[in-house]
Protein backbone atom coordinates (compact mmCIF):
# COMPACT_ATOMS: atom_id res chain seq x y z
CA UNK A 1 92.91 96.92 106.59
CA UNK A 2 91.36 96.04 109.88
CA UNK A 3 88.14 94.24 110.70
CA UNK A 4 85.02 96.26 109.97
CA UNK A 5 83.07 97.22 113.04
CA UNK A 6 84.33 96.92 116.59
CA UNK A 7 84.41 93.48 116.63
CA UNK A 8 97.95 82.55 83.47
CA UNK A 9 100.88 82.68 85.90
CA UNK A 10 103.93 82.53 83.58
CA UNK A 11 107.53 83.71 83.60
CA UNK A 12 106.61 87.17 82.38
CA UNK A 13 103.87 87.39 85.01
CA UNK A 14 106.23 86.49 87.79
CA UNK A 15 108.43 89.46 87.00
CA UNK A 16 105.54 91.73 87.98
CA UNK A 17 105.36 90.38 91.52
CA UNK A 18 106.73 92.76 94.08
CA UNK A 19 106.45 92.90 97.85
CA UNK A 20 107.28 95.19 100.67
CA UNK A 21 110.50 93.36 101.53
CA UNK A 22 111.82 93.39 97.96
CA UNK A 23 114.98 95.26 97.05
CA UNK A 24 114.53 99.02 96.54
CA UNK A 25 113.24 100.00 93.15
CA UNK A 26 114.90 102.50 90.87
CA UNK A 27 114.17 105.99 92.24
CA UNK A 28 111.16 107.57 90.58
CA UNK A 29 110.63 111.14 89.55
CA UNK A 30 110.30 113.74 92.34
CA UNK A 31 106.99 113.66 94.17
CA UNK A 32 106.02 117.08 92.88
CA UNK A 33 105.81 115.68 89.35
CA UNK A 34 103.92 112.49 90.24
CA UNK A 35 100.38 113.79 89.85
CA UNK A 36 101.04 115.35 86.44
CA UNK A 37 102.84 112.25 85.19
CA UNK A 38 100.05 109.94 86.38
CA UNK A 39 97.43 112.11 84.73
CA UNK A 40 99.36 112.35 81.45
CA UNK A 41 99.89 108.60 81.33
CA UNK A 42 96.20 107.95 81.89
CA UNK A 43 95.21 110.52 79.28
CA UNK A 44 97.49 108.92 76.67
CA UNK A 45 96.00 105.47 77.28
CA UNK A 46 92.47 106.77 77.03
CA UNK A 47 93.31 108.72 73.88
CA UNK A 48 94.83 105.62 72.29
CA UNK A 49 91.66 103.69 72.97
CA UNK A 50 89.48 106.49 71.66
CA UNK A 51 91.29 106.46 68.30
CA UNK A 52 91.17 102.68 67.91
CA UNK A 53 89.49 101.53 64.67
CA UNK A 54 85.86 100.41 64.48
CA UNK A 55 84.83 102.42 67.50
CA UNK A 56 82.07 104.98 67.23
CA UNK A 57 80.31 106.94 69.95
CA UNK A 58 78.59 110.22 70.54
CA UNK A 59 80.66 113.22 71.53
CA UNK A 60 81.51 113.20 75.21
CA UNK A 61 80.90 109.47 75.63
CA UNK A 62 83.67 107.95 73.50
CA UNK A 63 86.07 107.33 76.37
CA UNK A 64 83.49 105.65 78.55
CA UNK A 65 82.16 103.49 75.73
CA UNK A 66 85.69 102.49 74.77
CA UNK A 67 86.57 101.57 78.33
CA UNK A 68 83.46 99.48 78.88
CA UNK A 69 84.07 95.75 78.31
CA UNK A 70 81.50 93.81 76.31
CA UNK A 71 78.38 92.82 78.20
CA UNK A 72 78.95 89.18 77.24
CA UNK A 73 82.57 89.14 78.49
CA UNK A 74 83.65 85.53 78.72
CA UNK A 75 85.29 83.98 81.74
CA UNK A 76 88.59 83.83 79.88
CA UNK A 77 88.34 87.49 78.90
CA UNK A 78 87.53 88.44 82.50
CA UNK A 79 90.57 86.58 83.81
CA UNK A 80 92.80 88.24 81.23
CA UNK A 81 91.42 91.71 81.99
CA UNK A 82 91.70 91.23 85.75
CA UNK A 83 95.30 90.04 85.51
CA UNK A 84 96.19 92.88 83.18
CA UNK A 85 94.78 95.37 85.67
CA UNK A 86 96.91 93.84 88.39
CA UNK A 87 100.01 94.03 86.18
CA UNK A 88 99.32 97.68 85.45
CA UNK A 89 98.87 98.45 89.13
CA UNK A 90 102.10 96.63 89.94
CA UNK A 91 103.87 99.13 87.69
CA UNK A 92 102.12 102.07 89.31
CA UNK A 93 102.75 100.85 92.87
CA UNK A 94 105.96 98.79 92.75
CA UNK A 95 106.57 99.74 96.39
CA UNK A 96 103.11 98.74 97.67
CA UNK A 97 103.26 97.38 101.20
CA UNK A 98 101.13 96.97 104.34
CA UNK A 99 100.37 100.48 105.54
CA UNK A 100 100.59 99.58 109.22
CA UNK A 101 103.91 99.99 111.03
CA UNK A 102 105.15 96.75 112.58
CA UNK A 103 108.38 95.01 113.51
CA UNK A 104 107.03 91.52 114.25
CA UNK A 105 103.87 89.42 113.85
CA UNK A 106 102.52 90.44 117.27
CA UNK A 107 102.72 94.14 116.42
CA UNK A 108 101.05 93.59 113.05
CA UNK A 109 98.26 91.55 114.64
CA UNK A 110 97.52 94.19 117.26
CA UNK A 111 97.79 97.07 114.80
CA UNK A 112 95.39 95.37 112.39
CA UNK A 113 92.81 94.84 115.12
CA UNK A 114 93.15 98.49 116.13
CA UNK A 115 92.64 99.70 112.54
CA UNK A 116 88.95 98.81 112.53
CA UNK A 117 86.89 101.94 111.74
CA UNK A 118 89.88 104.25 111.77
CA UNK A 119 92.80 105.02 109.47
CA UNK A 120 96.09 103.16 109.34
CA UNK A 121 97.75 106.54 109.89
CA UNK A 122 95.98 107.03 113.21
CA UNK A 123 96.97 103.53 114.29
CA UNK A 124 100.59 104.15 113.31
CA UNK A 125 100.61 107.34 115.35
CA UNK A 126 99.20 105.50 118.37
CA UNK A 127 101.01 102.16 118.52
CA UNK A 128 104.54 103.44 119.30
CA UNK A 129 103.42 104.34 122.83
CA UNK A 130 101.55 101.04 123.19
CA UNK A 131 104.42 98.82 122.08
CA UNK A 132 106.95 100.84 124.04
CA UNK A 133 105.07 100.10 127.27
CA UNK A 134 103.83 96.61 126.35
CA UNK A 135 106.33 95.05 123.90
CA UNK A 136 105.23 91.42 124.27
CA UNK A 137 101.95 89.49 124.52
CA UNK A 138 102.79 88.70 128.13
CA UNK A 139 103.17 92.39 128.95
CA UNK A 140 99.91 93.39 127.28
CA UNK A 141 98.03 90.44 128.80
CA UNK A 142 98.92 91.69 132.29
CA UNK A 143 98.23 95.37 131.53
CA UNK A 144 95.83 97.61 133.43
CA UNK A 145 92.88 98.07 131.03
CA UNK A 146 92.40 101.70 132.01
CA UNK A 147 96.00 102.52 131.09
CA UNK A 148 95.66 100.76 127.75
CA UNK A 149 92.37 102.58 127.07
CA UNK A 150 94.08 105.91 127.57
CA UNK A 151 96.77 105.04 125.02
CA UNK A 152 94.24 103.73 122.50
CA UNK A 153 91.74 106.57 122.89
CA UNK A 154 92.82 108.27 119.59
CA UNK A 155 91.90 105.10 117.65
CA UNK A 156 88.21 105.26 118.52
CA UNK A 157 86.18 102.46 120.12
CA UNK A 158 89.07 102.32 122.55
CA UNK A 159 87.26 100.31 125.22
CA UNK A 160 86.26 97.51 122.84
CA UNK A 161 89.69 97.54 121.22
CA UNK A 162 91.36 97.40 124.64
CA UNK A 163 89.35 94.30 125.48
CA UNK A 164 90.32 92.74 122.15
CA UNK A 165 94.07 93.38 122.32
CA UNK A 166 94.32 92.35 125.97
CA UNK A 167 92.16 89.31 125.26
CA UNK A 168 94.17 88.18 122.25
CA UNK A 169 97.39 88.75 124.21
CA UNK A 170 96.11 86.49 126.99
CA UNK A 171 95.15 83.86 124.42
CA UNK A 172 98.58 84.05 122.80
CA UNK A 173 100.25 83.72 126.20
CA UNK A 174 98.10 80.87 127.46
CA UNK A 175 97.49 78.88 124.27
CA UNK A 176 100.41 79.61 121.95
CA UNK A 177 103.39 80.19 124.22
CA UNK A 178 103.39 83.94 123.55
CA UNK A 179 103.80 83.45 119.80
CA UNK A 180 101.43 84.48 117.01
CA UNK A 181 100.25 81.32 115.25
CA UNK A 182 100.81 81.01 111.53
CA UNK A 183 97.58 79.18 110.72
CA UNK A 184 94.26 80.71 109.71
CA UNK A 185 92.24 78.37 111.91
CA UNK A 186 94.22 79.43 114.98
CA UNK A 187 94.23 83.15 114.26
CA UNK A 188 90.47 83.46 113.85
CA UNK A 189 89.97 82.02 117.34
CA UNK A 190 91.66 85.06 118.90
CA UNK A 191 89.46 87.90 120.24
CA UNK A 192 88.81 90.58 117.63
CA UNK A 193 90.41 88.56 114.82
CA UNK A 194 88.45 87.53 111.71
CA UNK A 195 89.48 86.28 108.28
CA UNK A 196 90.46 89.70 106.99
CA UNK A 197 92.80 90.41 109.90
CA UNK A 198 94.15 86.86 109.74
CA UNK A 199 95.03 87.18 106.05
CA UNK A 200 96.81 90.49 106.68
CA UNK A 201 98.99 88.77 109.27
CA UNK A 202 99.52 85.57 107.28
CA UNK A 203 100.40 87.38 104.07
CA UNK A 204 102.64 90.07 105.51
CA UNK A 205 104.21 88.48 108.58
CA UNK A 206 104.43 84.85 107.45
CA UNK A 207 104.52 85.12 103.65
CA UNK A 208 101.43 82.95 103.25
CA UNK A 209 99.12 84.17 100.45
CA UNK A 210 95.79 85.68 101.33
CA UNK A 211 93.29 88.23 100.01
CA UNK A 212 92.45 91.18 102.22
CA UNK A 213 88.87 92.20 101.48
CA UNK A 214 88.57 95.64 103.07
CA UNK A 215 86.17 98.41 101.98
CA UNK A 216 88.51 99.63 99.24
CA UNK A 217 88.98 96.13 97.83
CA UNK A 218 85.23 95.49 97.83
CA UNK A 219 84.47 98.77 96.06
CA UNK A 220 87.08 98.41 93.33
CA UNK A 221 86.49 94.78 92.37
CA UNK A 222 82.82 95.55 91.90
CA UNK A 223 83.58 98.67 89.85
CA UNK A 224 85.85 96.57 87.67
CA UNK A 225 83.12 93.91 87.38
CA UNK A 226 85.35 91.17 88.68
CA UNK A 227 82.42 90.04 90.81
CA UNK A 228 78.94 91.18 91.77
CA UNK A 229 79.16 89.61 95.23
CA UNK A 230 78.77 91.82 98.30
CA UNK A 231 79.64 89.37 101.07
CA UNK A 232 83.40 89.62 101.92
CA UNK A 233 83.90 85.86 102.03
CA UNK A 234 82.22 85.40 98.64
CA UNK A 235 84.26 88.29 97.19
CA UNK A 236 87.41 86.64 98.49
CA UNK A 237 86.50 83.36 96.79
CA UNK A 238 85.40 84.96 93.50
CA UNK A 239 88.47 87.17 93.11
CA UNK A 240 90.84 84.49 94.33
CA UNK A 241 89.64 82.25 91.51
CA UNK A 242 90.84 84.81 88.94
CA UNK A 243 94.47 84.78 90.07
CA UNK A 244 97.20 82.33 91.02
CA UNK A 245 97.38 81.95 94.79
CA UNK A 246 100.91 83.34 94.77
CA UNK A 247 99.51 86.69 93.60
CA UNK A 248 96.95 87.15 96.34
CA UNK A 249 98.90 89.20 98.88
CA UNK A 250 100.42 91.62 96.36
CA UNK A 251 97.08 91.87 94.57
CA UNK A 252 95.50 93.01 97.83
CA UNK A 253 98.12 95.72 98.25
CA UNK A 254 97.74 96.94 94.66
CA UNK A 255 93.96 97.18 94.83
CA UNK A 256 93.85 98.80 98.28
CA UNK A 257 96.54 101.32 97.37
CA UNK A 258 94.68 102.24 94.20
CA UNK A 259 91.47 102.70 96.14
CA UNK A 260 93.12 105.00 98.64
CA UNK A 261 95.06 107.10 96.15
CA UNK A 262 93.07 107.31 92.91
CA UNK A 263 89.83 105.31 92.79
CA UNK A 264 88.11 106.99 95.71
CA UNK A 265 84.61 106.14 96.89
CA UNK A 266 83.00 109.53 96.23
CA UNK A 267 85.27 111.27 93.72
CA UNK A 268 87.37 108.77 91.77
CA UNK A 269 90.10 110.48 89.76
CA UNK A 270 89.21 108.80 86.45
CA UNK A 271 91.22 111.28 84.38
CA UNK A 272 94.40 110.37 86.28
CA UNK A 273 93.77 106.63 86.39
CA UNK A 274 96.35 104.41 84.64
CA UNK A 275 93.85 101.58 84.16
CA UNK A 276 90.98 103.72 82.81
CA UNK A 277 90.91 101.88 79.44
CA UNK A 278 90.23 98.63 81.31
CA UNK A 279 87.60 99.98 83.70
CA UNK A 280 83.86 99.51 83.11
CA UNK A 281 83.15 102.33 85.57
CA UNK A 282 85.26 104.96 83.79
CA UNK A 283 83.43 108.27 83.90
CA UNK A 284 81.91 107.89 87.36
CA UNK A 285 84.48 110.39 88.57
CA UNK A 286 86.37 113.40 87.22
CA UNK A 287 87.67 112.68 83.72
CA UNK A 288 89.55 115.93 83.05
CA UNK A 289 93.24 115.07 83.64
CA UNK A 290 94.13 118.37 85.33
CA UNK A 291 91.12 118.32 87.62
CA UNK A 292 91.60 114.62 88.36
CA UNK A 293 95.24 115.21 89.30
CA UNK A 294 94.06 117.48 92.11
CA UNK A 295 92.12 114.58 93.63
CA UNK A 296 95.14 112.30 94.03
CA UNK A 297 96.06 111.40 97.60
CA UNK A 298 99.18 110.41 99.51
CA UNK A 299 102.36 110.18 97.46
CA UNK A 300 100.46 110.36 94.16
CA UNK A 301 99.33 113.83 95.14
CA UNK A 302 102.69 114.81 96.62
CA UNK A 303 101.64 114.22 100.22
CA UNK A 304 102.95 112.02 103.06
CA UNK A 305 101.89 108.40 103.29
CA UNK A 306 100.40 106.57 106.25
CA UNK A 307 103.45 104.93 107.81
CA UNK A 308 105.86 106.63 110.17
CA UNK A 309 108.41 103.93 109.29
CA UNK A 310 107.75 102.94 105.66
CA UNK A 311 109.92 100.45 103.75
CA UNK A 312 113.01 101.85 102.04
CA UNK A 313 111.58 101.02 98.61
CA UNK A 314 108.73 103.46 99.25
CA UNK A 315 111.13 106.22 100.30
CA UNK A 316 113.34 105.54 97.27
CA UNK A 317 110.29 105.98 95.04
CA UNK A 318 109.69 109.47 96.45
CA UNK A 319 107.23 108.61 99.22
CA UNK A 320 107.20 110.62 102.42
CA UNK A 321 106.71 109.14 105.89
CA UNK A 322 103.74 110.29 107.94
CA UNK A 323 104.25 112.62 110.91
CA UNK A 324 104.05 111.26 114.47
CA UNK A 325 101.01 111.87 116.65
CA UNK A 326 100.79 115.51 117.70
CA UNK A 327 103.27 116.80 115.12
CA UNK A 328 102.44 119.97 113.22
């Protein structure tokens, strides 16, 4: 979710909105069954589309042709398809949440800056030591850079990240009374903080809607033909126009989670994808349900997630917390 590089809505729709702080969901099936269930569900949806009337295609291409939306898809049809995809993903990931461990806005801000060009898991395994020694902006602002570098070494680019977190801590101390500001225009003035990081903090620490355009989000919205833009700011504007503003934060979680678990960059698990009938890119990855199920990651594949301290809703759904740094 971090910065790259070192540096409609109706009553029924509203029922689909979920967030990390929502009440625990009804416990799902055991994790061991998740991959098979996901694959079976996707296969049924694809099969239903393949048998729909007035659809003809050569053998081996029926599913892809069925999934592909018309080339002249109208704006209204695009909005409907995009919102349906989000509703489907909300059912698949009702427990979706920020995958960085944090207890307050300051911790989320620092963790998001540290997550540039590394995994959220690695950040989560590293920040406990950092926040234990430097719990406040004032503490981190006065820290010895060499000591901070040693703690942050596992995150990569540790010297640049040390400068950023110490710099933003000094700015928070000197300009904002040691508090993380809740406005976009203030956040982006902090060292190492851009729009993406700012929206992560605003959406998840302050409850202010924002779209997080990370690499997963960019990849998926283009695969789904929501936009052809490649610039993050233009993607943010184009996708934001398809949804009510109140959906933006949860939408970001749904898309990013799907990108990490099923719709991978190199080997998307098309045969285990619950939104395959709505995807123009169906068939780019493995379409056999059994083979696709083996590609699923994190809780969808029966493995631990990225947070050491995930929300209770995630644990109730069968998710497993990640191990601490150095474990196993």
